Amino acid sequence: MLPEIAGMHTVTARFSGSESYWPSHATTFFSVDDVVITPAPTETPESISDIYFLPAIGGLFALIIAVAIILMLMIRKRP
């Protein structure tokens, strides 16, 4: 867990030793910066093409397919 106070900090660990290991110690340093609060992201507005152009193109494709099917049924020979 990091400290909540900004600045330089020192951490020292000590091992007093046992019957199997010699005593030891280690020291390290680290810095904690001030918290910078970032603004909440804002939603980007939809563009004109997203609102009107893309649905219109989809509608035109559907219309072309429907007309093609109707023409195929009209041209098809009946026995």
PDB file of N, CA and C in Angstrom:
ATOM      1  N   MET A   1       0.846  -1.166   0.000  1.00  0.00           N
ATOM      2  CA  MET A   1       0.000   0.000   0.000  1.00  0.00           C
ATOM      3  C   MET A   1       0.896   1.234   0.000  1.00  0.00           C
ATOM      4  N   LEU A   2       0.617   2.169  -0.909  1.00  0.00           N
ATOM      5  CA  LEU A   2       1.406   3.390  -0.998  1.00  0.00           C
ATOM      6  C   LEU A   2       0.903   4.415   0.008  1.00  0.00           C
ATOM      7  N   PRO A   3       1.812   5.249   0.479  1.00  0.00           N
ATOM      8  CA  PRO A   3       1.380   6.306   1.401  1.00  0.00           C
ATOM      9  C   PRO A   3       0.565   7.365   0.678  1.00  0.00           C
ATOM     10  N   GLU A   4      -0.285   8.056   1.407  1.00  0.00           N
ATOM     11  CA  GLU A   4      -1.126   9.097   0.836  1.00  0.00           C
ATOM     12  C   GLU A   4      -0.455  10.458   0.880  1.00  0.00           C
ATOM     13  N   ILE A   5       0.748  10.533   1.444  1.00  0.00           N
ATOM     14  CA  ILE A   5       1.476  11.791   1.569  1.00  0.00           C
ATOM     15  C   ILE A   5       2.507  11.853   0.455  1.00  0.00           C
ATOM     16  N   ALA A   6       2.476  12.930  -0.336  1.00  0.00           N
ATOM     17  CA  ALA A   6       3.424  13.080  -1.438  1.00  0.00           C
ATOM     18  C   ALA A   6       4.818  13.358  -0.903  1.00  0.00           C
ATOM     19  N   GLY A   7       5.843  12.915  -1.650  1.00  0.00           N
ATOM     20  CA  GLY A   7       7.229  13.178  -1.277  1.00  0.00           C
ATOM     21  C   GLY A   7       8.072  11.917  -1.336  1.00  0.00           C
ATOM     22  N   MET A   8       9.325  12.030  -0.871  1.00  0.00           N
ATOM     23  CA  MET A   8      10.247  10.893  -0.838  1.00  0.00           C
ATOM     24  C   MET A   8       9.987  10.046   0.404  1.00  0.00           C
ATOM     25  N   HIS A   9      10.059   8.738   0.227  1.00  0.00           N
ATOM     26  CA  HIS A   9       9.836   7.811   1.335  1.00  0.00           C
ATOM     27  C   HIS A   9      10.943   6.764   1.346  1.00  0.00           C
ATOM     28  N   THR A  10      11.233   6.238   2.522  1.00  0.00           N
ATOM     29  CA  THR A  10      12.261   5.221   2.703  1.00  0.00           C
ATOM     30  C   THR A  10      11.618   3.999   3.333  1.00  0.00           C
ATOM     31  N   VAL A  11      11.968   2.830   2.790  1.00  0.00           N
ATOM     32  CA  VAL A  11      11.492   1.568   3.361  1.00  0.00           C
ATOM     33  C   VAL A  11      12.719   0.751   3.739  1.00  0.00           C
ATOM     34  N   THR A  12      12.763   0.306   4.994  1.00  0.00           N
ATOM     35  CA  THR A  12      13.880  -0.514   5.467  1.00  0.00           C
ATOM     36  C   THR A  12      13.328  -1.825   5.995  1.00  0.00           C
ATOM     37  N   ALA A  13      13.926  -2.922   5.555  1.00  0.00           N
ATOM     38  CA  ALA A  13      13.541  -4.252   6.033  1.00  0.00           C
ATOM     39  C   ALA A  13      14.740  -4.863   6.754  1.00  0.00           C
ATOM     40  N   ARG A  14      14.465  -5.430   7.922  1.00  0.00           N
ATOM     41  CA  ARG A  14      15.542  -6.047   8.712  1.00  0.00           C
ATOM     42  C   ARG A  14      15.161  -7.477   9.070  1.00  0.00           C
ATOM     43  N   PHE A  15      16.165  -8.358   8.954  1.00  0.00           N
ATOM     44  CA  PHE A  15      15.993  -9.754   9.360  1.00  0.00           C
ATOM     45  C   PHE A  15      17.040 -10.017  10.425  1.00  0.00           C
ATOM     46  N   SER A  16      16.580 -10.399  11.626  1.00  0.00           N
ATOM     47  CA  SER A  16      17.513 -10.548  12.745  1.00  0.00           C
ATOM     48  C   SER A  16      18.331 -11.831  12.669  1.00  0.00           C
ATOM     49  N   GLY A  17      18.016 -12.678  11.734  1.00  0.00           N
ATOM     50  CA  GLY A  17      18.793 -13.907  11.573  1.00  0.00           C
ATOM     51  C   GLY A  17      18.147 -15.068  12.305  1.00  0.00           C
ATOM     52  N   SER A  18      18.662 -16.257  12.030  1.00  0.00           N
ATOM     53  CA  SER A  18      18.189 -17.471  12.698  1.00  0.00           C
ATOM     54  C   SER A  18      19.379 -18.425  12.825  1.00  0.00           C
ATOM     55  N   GLU A  19      19.124 -19.652  13.219  1.00  0.00           N
ATOM     56  CA  GLU A  19      20.202 -20.617  13.337  1.00  0.00           C
ATOM     57  C   GLU A  19      20.768 -21.000  11.964  1.00  0.00           C
ATOM     58  N   SER A  20      19.989 -20.783  10.896  1.00  0.00           N
ATOM     59  CA  SER A  20      20.420 -21.173   9.559  1.00  0.00           C
ATOM     60  C   SER A  20      20.919 -20.003   8.705  1.00  0.00           C
ATOM     61  N   TYR A  21      20.504 -18.759   9.007  1.00  0.00           N
ATOM     62  CA  TYR A  21      20.832 -17.615   8.155  1.00  0.00           C
ATOM     63  C   TYR A  21      21.432 -16.492   8.985  1.00  0.00           C
ATOM     64  N   TRP A  22      22.351 -15.725   8.363  1.00  0.00           N
ATOM     65  CA  TRP A  22      22.930 -14.557   8.994  1.00  0.00           C
ATOM     66  C   TRP A  22      21.911 -13.430   8.996  1.00  0.00           C
ATOM     67  N   PRO A  23      22.039 -12.488   9.890  1.00  0.00           N
ATOM     68  CA  PRO A  23      21.131 -11.335   9.859  1.00  0.00           C
ATOM     69  C   PRO A  23      21.385 -10.491   8.594  1.00  0.00           C
ATOM     70  N   SER A  24      20.343  -9.805   8.141  1.00  0.00           N
ATOM     71  CA  SER A  24      20.493  -8.964   6.956  1.00  0.00           C
ATOM     72  C   SER A  24      19.508  -7.808   7.029  1.00  0.00           C
ATOM     73  N   HIS A  25      19.737  -6.835   6.160  1.00  0.00           N
ATOM     74  CA  HIS A  25      18.815  -5.710   6.063  1.00  0.00           C
ATOM     75  C   HIS A  25      18.918  -5.131   4.650  1.00  0.00           C
ATOM     76  N   ALA A  26      17.869  -4.412   4.230  1.00  0.00           N
ATOM     77  CA  ALA A  26      17.833  -3.758   2.917  1.00  0.00           C
ATOM     78  C   ALA A  26      17.035  -2.469   3.047  1.00  0.00           C
ATOM     79  N   THR A  27      17.431  -1.490   2.253  1.00  0.00           N
ATOM     80  CA  THR A  27      16.745  -0.199   2.259  1.00  0.00           C
ATOM     81  C   THR A  27      16.460   0.199   0.817  1.00  0.00           C
ATOM     82  N   THR A  28      15.284   0.773   0.594  1.00  0.00           N
ATOM     83  CA  THR A  28      14.940   1.297  -0.728  1.00  0.00           C
ATOM     84  C   THR A  28      14.203   2.609  -0.557  1.00  0.00           C
ATOM     85  N   PHE A  29      14.200   3.398  -1.611  1.00  0.00           N
ATOM     86  CA  PHE A  29      13.565   4.710  -1.590  1.00  0.00           C
ATOM     87  C   PHE A  29      12.570   4.791  -2.735  1.00  0.00           C
ATOM     88  N   PHE A  30      11.497   5.542  -2.525  1.00  0.00           N
ATOM     89  CA  PHE A  30      10.554   5.788  -3.612  1.00  0.00           C
ATOM     90  C   PHE A  30       9.890   7.141  -3.391  1.00  0.00           C
ATOM     91  N   SER A  31       9.326   7.647  -4.466  1.00  0.00           N
ATOM     92  CA  SER A  31       8.694   8.956  -4.441  1.00  0.00           C
ATOM     93  C   SER A  31       7.213   8.816  -4.767  1.00  0.00           C
ATOM     94  N   VAL A  32       6.397   9.603  -4.088  1.00  0.00           N
ATOM     95  CA  VAL A  32       4.956   9.628  -4.343  1.00  0.00           C
ATOM     96  C   VAL A  32       4.606  11.029  -4.824  1.00  0.00           C
ATOM     97  N   ASP A  33       3.984  11.114  -6.009  1.00  0.00           N
ATOM     98  CA  ASP A  33       3.578  12.405  -6.573  1.00  0.00           C
ATOM     99  C   ASP A  33       2.189  12.783  -6.084  1.00  0.00           C
ATOM    100  N   ASP A  34       1.906  14.067  -6.176  1.00  0.00           N
ATOM    101  CA  ASP A  34       0.557  14.546  -5.855  1.00  0.00           C
ATOM    102  C   ASP A  34      -0.446  13.939  -6.827  1.00  0.00           C
ATOM    103  N   VAL A  35      -1.659  13.721  -6.352  1.00  0.00           N
ATOM    104  CA  VAL A  35      -2.711  13.164  -7.193  1.00  0.00           C
ATOM    105  C   VAL A  35      -3.221  14.257  -8.121  1.00  0.00           C
ATOM    106  N   VAL A  36      -3.281  13.920  -9.412  1.00  0.00           N
ATOM    107  CA  VAL A  36      -3.820  14.849 -10.398  1.00  0.00           C
ATOM    108  C   VAL A  36      -5.190  14.332 -10.804  1.00  0.00           C
ATOM    109  N   ILE A  37      -6.205  15.123 -10.543  1.00  0.00           N
ATOM    110  CA  ILE A  37      -7.569  14.713 -10.862  1.00  0.00           C
ATOM    111  C   ILE A  37      -7.840  15.059 -12.314  1.00  0.00           C
ATOM    112  N   THR A  38      -8.175  14.043 -13.096  1.00  0.00           N
ATOM    113  CA  THR A  38      -8.488  14.275 -14.504  1.00  0.00           C
ATOM    114  C   THR A  38      -9.986  14.503 -14.656  1.00  0.00           C
ATOM    115  N   PRO A  39     -10.360  15.369 -15.581  1.00  0.00           N
ATOM    116  CA  PRO A  39     -11.797  15.610 -15.772  1.00  0.00           C
ATOM    117  C   PRO A  39     -12.479  14.379 -16.357  1.00  0.00           C
ATOM    118  N   ALA A  40     -13.749  14.247 -16.059  1.00  0.00           N
ATOM    119  CA  ALA A  40     -14.516  13.111 -16.583  1.00  0.00           C
ATOM    120  C   ALA A  40     -14.615  13.225 -18.097  1.00  0.00           C
ATOM    121  N   PRO A  41     -14.525  12.096 -18.790  1.00  0.00           N
ATOM    122  CA  PRO A  41     -14.622  12.165 -20.250  1.00  0.00           C
ATOM    123  C   PRO A  41     -16.014  12.624 -20.685  1.00  0.00           C
ATOM    124  N   THR A  42     -16.029  13.425 -21.730  1.00  0.00           N
ATOM    125  CA  THR A  42     -17.304  13.899 -22.249  1.00  0.00           C
ATOM    126  C   THR A  42     -17.676  13.092 -23.480  1.00  0.00           C
ATOM    127  N   GLU A  43     -18.954  12.951 -23.687  1.00  0.00           N
ATOM    128  CA  GLU A  43     -19.438  12.181 -24.828  1.00  0.00           C
ATOM    129  C   GLU A  43     -19.282  13.021 -26.085  1.00  0.00           C
ATOM    130  N   THR A  44     -18.716  12.395 -27.126  1.00  0.00           N
ATOM    131  CA  THR A  44     -18.552  13.124 -28.382  1.00  0.00           C
ATOM    132  C   THR A  44     -19.884  13.158 -29.119  1.00  0.00           C
ATOM    133  N   PRO A  45     -20.241  14.301 -29.672  1.00  0.00           N
ATOM    134  CA  PRO A  45     -21.512  14.385 -30.398  1.00  0.00           C
ATOM    135  C   PRO A  45     -21.442  13.570 -31.690  1.00  0.00           C
ATOM    136  N   GLU A  46     -22.591  13.057 -32.091  1.00  0.00           N
ATOM    137  CA  GLU A  46     -22.643  12.286 -33.319  1.00  0.00           C
ATOM    138  C   GLU A  46     -22.511  13.228 -34.505  1.00  0.00           C
ATOM    139  N   SER A  47     -21.855  12.740 -35.552  1.00  0.00           N
ATOM    140  CA  SER A  47     -21.694  13.571 -36.733  1.00  0.00           C
ATOM    141  C   SER A  47     -22.939  13.481 -37.610  1.00  0.00           C
ATOM    142  N   ILE A  48     -23.038  14.387 -38.557  1.00  0.00           N
ATOM    143  CA  ILE A  48     -24.181  14.419 -39.477  1.00  0.00           C
ATOM    144  C   ILE A  48     -24.249  13.115 -40.277  1.00  0.00           C
ATOM    145  N   SER A  49     -23.067  12.581 -40.648  1.00  0.00           N
ATOM    146  CA  SER A  49     -23.089  11.350 -41.441  1.00  0.00           C
ATOM    147  C   SER A  49     -23.629  10.173 -40.626  1.00  0.00           C
ATOM    148  N   ASP A  50     -23.333  10.140 -39.327  1.00  0.00           N
ATOM    149  CA  ASP A  50     -23.867   9.065 -38.491  1.00  0.00           C
ATOM    150  C   ASP A  50     -25.380   9.172 -38.358  1.00  0.00           C
ATOM    151  N   ILE A  51     -25.882  10.382 -38.308  1.00  0.00           N
ATOM    152  CA  ILE A  51     -27.308  10.589 -38.077  1.00  0.00           C
ATOM    153  C   ILE A  51     -28.129  10.374 -39.349  1.00  0.00           C
ATOM    154  N   TYR A  52     -27.655  10.914 -40.492  1.00  0.00           N
ATOM    155  CA  TYR A  52     -28.475  10.905 -41.707  1.00  0.00           C
ATOM    156  C   TYR A  52     -27.905  10.051 -42.838  1.00  0.00           C
ATOM    157  N   PHE A  53     -26.624  10.181 -43.131  1.00  0.00           N
ATOM    158  CA  PHE A  53     -26.051   9.583 -44.332  1.00  0.00           C
ATOM    159  C   PHE A  53     -26.022   8.056 -44.255  1.00  0.00           C
ATOM    160  N   LEU A  54     -25.512   7.501 -43.171  1.00  0.00           N
ATOM    161  CA  LEU A  54     -25.398   6.040 -43.074  1.00  0.00           C
ATOM    162  C   LEU A  54     -26.758   5.336 -43.107  1.00  0.00           C
ATOM    163  N   PRO A  55     -27.783   5.788 -42.378  1.00  0.00           N
ATOM    164  CA  PRO A  55     -29.097   5.144 -42.505  1.00  0.00           C
ATOM    165  C   PRO A  55     -29.692   5.300 -43.905  1.00  0.00           C
ATOM    166  N   ALA A  56     -29.428   6.440 -44.562  1.00  0.00           N
ATOM    167  CA  ALA A  56     -29.950   6.647 -45.914  1.00  0.00           C
ATOM    168  C   ALA A  56     -29.318   5.663 -46.895  1.00  0.00           C
ATOM    169  N   ILE A  57     -28.032   5.428 -46.768  1.00  0.00           N
ATOM    170  CA  ILE A  57     -27.354   4.461 -47.638  1.00  0.00           C
ATOM    171  C   ILE A  57     -27.913   3.064 -47.393  1.00  0.00           C
ATOM    172  N   GLY A  58     -28.146   2.700 -46.153  1.00  0.00           N
ATOM    173  CA  GLY A  58     -28.746   1.395 -45.843  1.00  0.00           C
ATOM    174  C   GLY A  58     -30.130   1.266 -46.446  1.00  0.00           C
ATOM    175  N   GLY A  59     -30.912   2.329 -46.376  1.00  0.00           N
ATOM    176  CA  GLY A  59     -32.251   2.317 -46.964  1.00  0.00           C
ATOM    177  C   GLY A  59     -32.201   2.191 -48.476  1.00  0.00           C
ATOM    178  N   LEU A  60     -31.242   2.860 -49.125  1.00  0.00           N
ATOM    179  CA  LEU A  60     -31.105   2.741 -50.579  1.00  0.00           C
ATOM    180  C   LEU A  60     -30.730   1.321 -50.994  1.00  0.00           C
ATOM    181  N   PHE A  61     -29.827   0.694 -50.253  1.00  0.00           N
ATOM    182  CA  PHE A  61     -29.477  -0.700 -50.556  1.00  0.00           C
ATOM    183  C   PHE A  61     -30.696  -1.605 -50.427  1.00  0.00           C
ATOM    184  N   ALA A  62     -31.497  -1.419 -49.385  1.00  0.00           N
ATOM    185  CA  ALA A  62     -32.698  -2.230 -49.203  1.00  0.00           C
ATOM    186  C   ALA A  62     -33.680  -1.987 -50.349  1.00  0.00           C
ATOM    187  N   LEU A  63     -33.833  -0.746 -50.788  1.00  0.00           N
ATOM    188  CA  LEU A  63     -34.724  -0.418 -51.904  1.00  0.00           C
ATOM    189  C   LEU A  63     -34.240  -1.053 -53.206  1.00  0.00           C
ATOM    190  N   ILE A  64     -32.954  -0.996 -53.472  1.00  0.00           N
ATOM    191  CA  ILE A  64     -32.399  -1.611 -54.686  1.00  0.00           C
ATOM    192  C   ILE A  64     -32.620  -3.113 -54.686  1.00  0.00           C
ATOM    193  N   ILE A  65     -32.415  -3.763 -53.552  1.00  0.00           N
ATOM    194  CA  ILE A  65     -32.629  -5.209 -53.463  1.00  0.00           C
ATOM    195  C   ILE A  65     -34.100  -5.537 -53.665  1.00  0.00           C
ATOM    196  N   ALA A  66     -34.993  -4.760 -53.066  1.00  0.00           N
ATOM    197  CA  ALA A  66     -36.431  -5.011 -53.220  1.00  0.00           C
ATOM    198  C   ALA A  66     -36.855  -4.836 -54.674  1.00  0.00           C
ATOM    199  N   VAL A  67     -36.378  -3.800 -55.358  1.00  0.00           N
ATOM    200  CA  VAL A  67     -36.714  -3.584 -56.768  1.00  0.00           C
ATOM    201  C   VAL A  67     -36.153  -4.719 -57.625  1.00  0.00           C
ATOM    202  N   ALA A  68     -34.945  -5.161 -57.344  1.00  0.00           N
ATOM    203  CA  ALA A  68     -34.350  -6.266 -58.097  1.00  0.00           C
ATOM    204  C   ALA A  68     -35.174  -7.539 -57.944  1.00  0.00           C
ATOM    205  N   ILE A  69     -35.645  -7.829 -56.748  1.00  0.00           N
ATOM    206  CA  ILE A  69     -36.471  -9.028 -56.527  1.00  0.00           C
ATOM    207  C   ILE A  69     -37.786  -8.908 -57.273  1.00  0.00           C
ATOM    208  N   ILE A  70     -38.415  -7.734 -57.227  1.00  0.00           N
ATOM    209  CA  ILE A  70     -39.689  -7.529 -57.938  1.00  0.00           C
ATOM    210  C   ILE A  70     -39.491  -7.683 -59.445  1.00  0.00           C
ATOM    211  N   LEU A  71     -38.424  -7.115 -59.992  1.00  0.00           N
ATOM    212  CA  LEU A  71     -38.149  -7.254 -61.432  1.00  0.00           C
ATOM    213  C   LEU A  71     -37.879  -8.710 -61.811  1.00  0.00           C
ATOM    214  N   MET A  72     -37.164  -9.429 -60.981  1.00  0.00           N
ATOM    215  CA  MET A  72     -36.908 -10.847 -61.274  1.00  0.00           C
ATOM    216  C   MET A  72     -38.216 -11.628 -61.287  1.00  0.00           C
ATOM    217  N   LEU A  73     -39.130 -11.342 -60.382  1.00  0.00           N
ATOM    218  CA  LEU A  73     -40.404 -12.052 -60.357  1.00  0.00           C
ATOM    219  C   LEU A  73     -41.270 -11.678 -61.561  1.00  0.00           C
ATOM    220  N   MET A  74     -41.189 -10.430 -62.007  1.00  0.00           N
ATOM    221  CA  MET A  74     -41.990 -10.013 -63.158  1.00  0.00           C
ATOM    222  C   MET A  74     -41.434 -10.584 -64.476  1.00  0.00           C
ATOM    223  N   ILE A  75     -40.123 -10.670 -64.584  1.00  0.00           N
ATOM    224  CA  ILE A  75     -39.506 -11.149 -65.824  1.00  0.00           C
ATOM    225  C   ILE A  75     -39.544 -12.677 -65.916  1.00  0.00           C
ATOM    226  N   ARG A  76     -39.574 -13.328 -64.813  1.00  0.00           N
ATOM    227  CA  ARG A  76     -39.534 -14.795 -64.790  1.00  0.00           C
ATOM    228  C   ARG A  76     -40.680 -15.363 -65.621  1.00  0.00           C
ATOM    229  N   LYS A  77     -40.337 -16.332 -66.461  1.00  0.00           N
ATOM    230  CA  LYS A  77     -41.366 -16.960 -67.302  1.00  0.00           C
ATOM    231  C   LYS A  77     -42.202 -17.908 -66.465  1.00  0.00           C
ATOM    232  N   ARG A  78     -43.467 -17.925 -66.792  1.00  0.00           N
ATOM    233  CA  ARG A  78     -44.372 -18.852 -66.089  1.00  0.00           C
ATOM    234  C   ARG A  78     -44.691 -20.018 -67.010  1.00  0.00           C
ATOM    235  N   PRO A  79     -44.766 -21.227 -66.497  1.00  0.00           N
ATOM    236  CA  PRO A  79     -45.051 -22.396 -67.337  1.00  0.00           C
ATOM    237  C   PRO A  79     -46.466 -22.417 -67.860  1.00  0.00           C
TER     238      PRO A  79
END
